[in-house]
Amino acid sequence: MNFKMTQPCAHCPFRKDIRPYLTRGKVREIERSLVHACFPCHETTQHDDDGAYLKTEEETHCAGALILLEKLERPSQMMRIAERLHLYDRRKLNMKAPVFRSFKAMITAQKD
């Protein structure tokens, strides 16, 4: 997975300026997974004919997730590793993008 995206896509679930579409449980699951794992931008993922996820080299880490974690000063393990390997540069992120300031705010915004 690469870390090339610097701002969230138009339908990023981390954006606070669009209609929320996740469940609160899904946001909690994403938060837990981001401690150690990457979260690909949905626009860069692929699926087979049955809808099963296919891991590809084109996948890009979700910029919204990166921005939120940087705002929280909680970079994931993969972010720290990628930064040490010069594959990720937090200074390139658009920190003014309309991303939630916390997972709590993101959870509260969901409609379930």
Protein backbone atom coordinates (compact mmCIF):
# COMPACT_ATOMS: atom_id res chain seq x y z
CA MET A 1 0.00 0.00 0.00
CA ASN A 2 1.30 3.43 -0.83
CA PHE A 3 0.85 6.72 1.01
CA LYS A 4 0.58 9.07 -2.00
CA MET A 5 -2.79 10.67 -1.22
CA THR A 6 -2.52 14.04 0.52
CA GLN A 7 -6.20 14.94 0.85
CA PRO A 8 -9.41 12.96 1.26
CA CYS A 9 -11.40 11.90 -1.78
CA ALA A 10 -14.88 13.32 -2.40
CA HIS A 11 -16.66 10.46 -0.60
CA CYS A 12 -14.14 9.83 2.19
CA PRO A 13 -15.88 8.61 5.37
CA PHE A 14 -13.52 10.80 7.41
CA ARG A 15 -14.89 13.99 5.85
CA LYS A 16 -17.13 16.05 8.09
CA ASP A 17 -18.63 18.07 5.22
CA ILE A 18 -20.50 15.17 3.61
CA ARG A 19 -23.47 13.10 4.77
CA PRO A 20 -22.21 10.35 7.11
CA TYR A 21 -22.81 6.86 5.76
CA LEU A 22 -21.10 4.47 8.21
CA THR A 23 -22.52 2.92 11.33
CA ARG A 24 -21.09 3.88 14.71
CA GLY A 25 -19.89 0.30 15.09
CA LYS A 26 -18.02 0.49 11.77
CA VAL A 27 -16.25 3.69 12.86
CA ARG A 28 -15.18 2.00 16.10
CA GLU A 29 -13.93 -1.00 14.11
CA ILE A 30 -11.91 1.28 11.79
CA GLU A 31 -10.45 3.12 14.79
CA ARG A 32 -9.33 -0.16 16.38
CA SER A 33 -7.84 -1.47 13.14
CA LEU A 34 -5.86 1.70 12.45
CA VAL A 35 -3.58 1.07 15.42
CA HIS A 36 -1.64 -1.53 13.43
CA ALA A 37 -3.19 -1.74 9.98
CA CYS A 38 -3.61 0.41 6.92
CA PHE A 39 -6.94 1.69 5.67
CA PRO A 40 -7.14 1.87 1.87
CA CYS A 41 -9.07 4.60 0.11
CA HIS A 42 -12.20 2.93 -1.24
CA GLU A 43 -11.58 4.54 -4.62
CA THR A 44 -8.34 2.55 -4.96
CA THR A 45 -9.60 -0.88 -3.90
CA GLN A 46 -10.73 -3.65 -6.22
CA HIS A 47 -13.13 -6.56 -5.81
CA ASP A 48 -13.78 -9.72 -7.79
CA ASP A 49 -17.12 -10.58 -9.42
CA ASP A 50 -18.40 -11.98 -6.11
CA GLY A 51 -17.52 -8.78 -4.25
CA ALA A 52 -14.50 -10.27 -2.48
CA TYR A 53 -11.70 -7.81 -1.73
CA LEU A 54 -8.59 -8.07 -3.95
CA LYS A 55 -5.36 -6.62 -2.59
CA THR A 56 -3.47 -4.72 -5.32
CA GLU A 57 -0.36 -2.59 -5.62
CA GLU A 58 -2.52 0.37 -6.67
CA GLU A 59 -4.11 0.67 -3.24
CA THR A 60 -3.46 3.97 -1.55
CA HIS A 61 -3.85 4.65 2.16
CA CYS A 62 -6.89 6.81 2.90
CA ALA A 63 -5.75 10.41 3.32
CA GLY A 64 -8.71 11.17 5.59
CA ALA A 65 -7.56 8.47 8.01
CA LEU A 66 -3.98 9.77 7.87
CA ILE A 67 -5.11 13.33 8.57
CA LEU A 68 -7.33 12.31 11.49
CA LEU A 69 -4.57 10.22 13.06
CA GLU A 70 -2.10 13.10 12.64
CA LYS A 71 -4.59 15.54 14.22
CA LEU A 72 -4.84 13.16 17.17
CA GLU A 73 -1.04 12.78 17.28
CA ARG A 74 -1.64 9.01 17.05
CA PRO A 75 0.15 7.85 13.90
CA SER A 76 -0.36 4.16 13.29
CA GLN A 77 2.42 1.64 13.37
CA MET A 78 2.37 1.47 9.55
CA MET A 79 2.51 5.26 9.25
CA ARG A 80 5.60 5.35 11.46
CA ILE A 81 7.28 2.55 9.50
CA ALA A 82 6.43 4.16 6.15
CA GLU A 83 7.77 7.48 7.40
CA ARG A 84 11.09 5.90 8.45
CA LEU A 85 11.37 4.32 5.00
CA HIS A 86 10.61 7.69 3.35
CA LEU A 87 7.38 6.33 1.86
CA TYR A 88 5.18 8.74 3.82
CA ASP A 89 5.65 12.42 4.61
CA ARG A 90 3.06 13.88 6.97
CA ARG A 91 4.06 17.42 5.93
CA LYS A 92 2.43 16.81 2.54
CA LEU A 93 -1.01 16.16 4.02
CA ASN A 94 -3.66 18.84 3.58
CA MET A 95 -4.32 19.37 7.27
CA LYS A 96 -6.96 21.99 6.40
CA ALA A 97 -9.12 19.38 4.67
CA PRO A 98 -12.61 18.99 6.19
CA VAL A 99 -11.79 15.91 8.28
CA PHE A 100 -13.25 15.11 11.70
CA ARG A 101 -11.06 16.19 14.63
CA SER A 102 -11.64 12.96 16.56
CA PHE A 103 -13.15 9.51 16.28
CA LYS A 104 -15.67 10.55 18.92
CA ALA A 105 -16.92 13.36 16.65
CA MET A 106 -17.02 10.94 13.73
CA ILE A 107 -19.01 8.40 15.74
CA THR A 108 -21.45 11.05 16.99
CA ALA A 109 -22.11 12.22 13.40
CA GLN A 110 -23.28 8.77 12.24
CA LYS A 111 -27.02 8.20 12.06
CA ASP A 112 -27.52 4.77 13.65
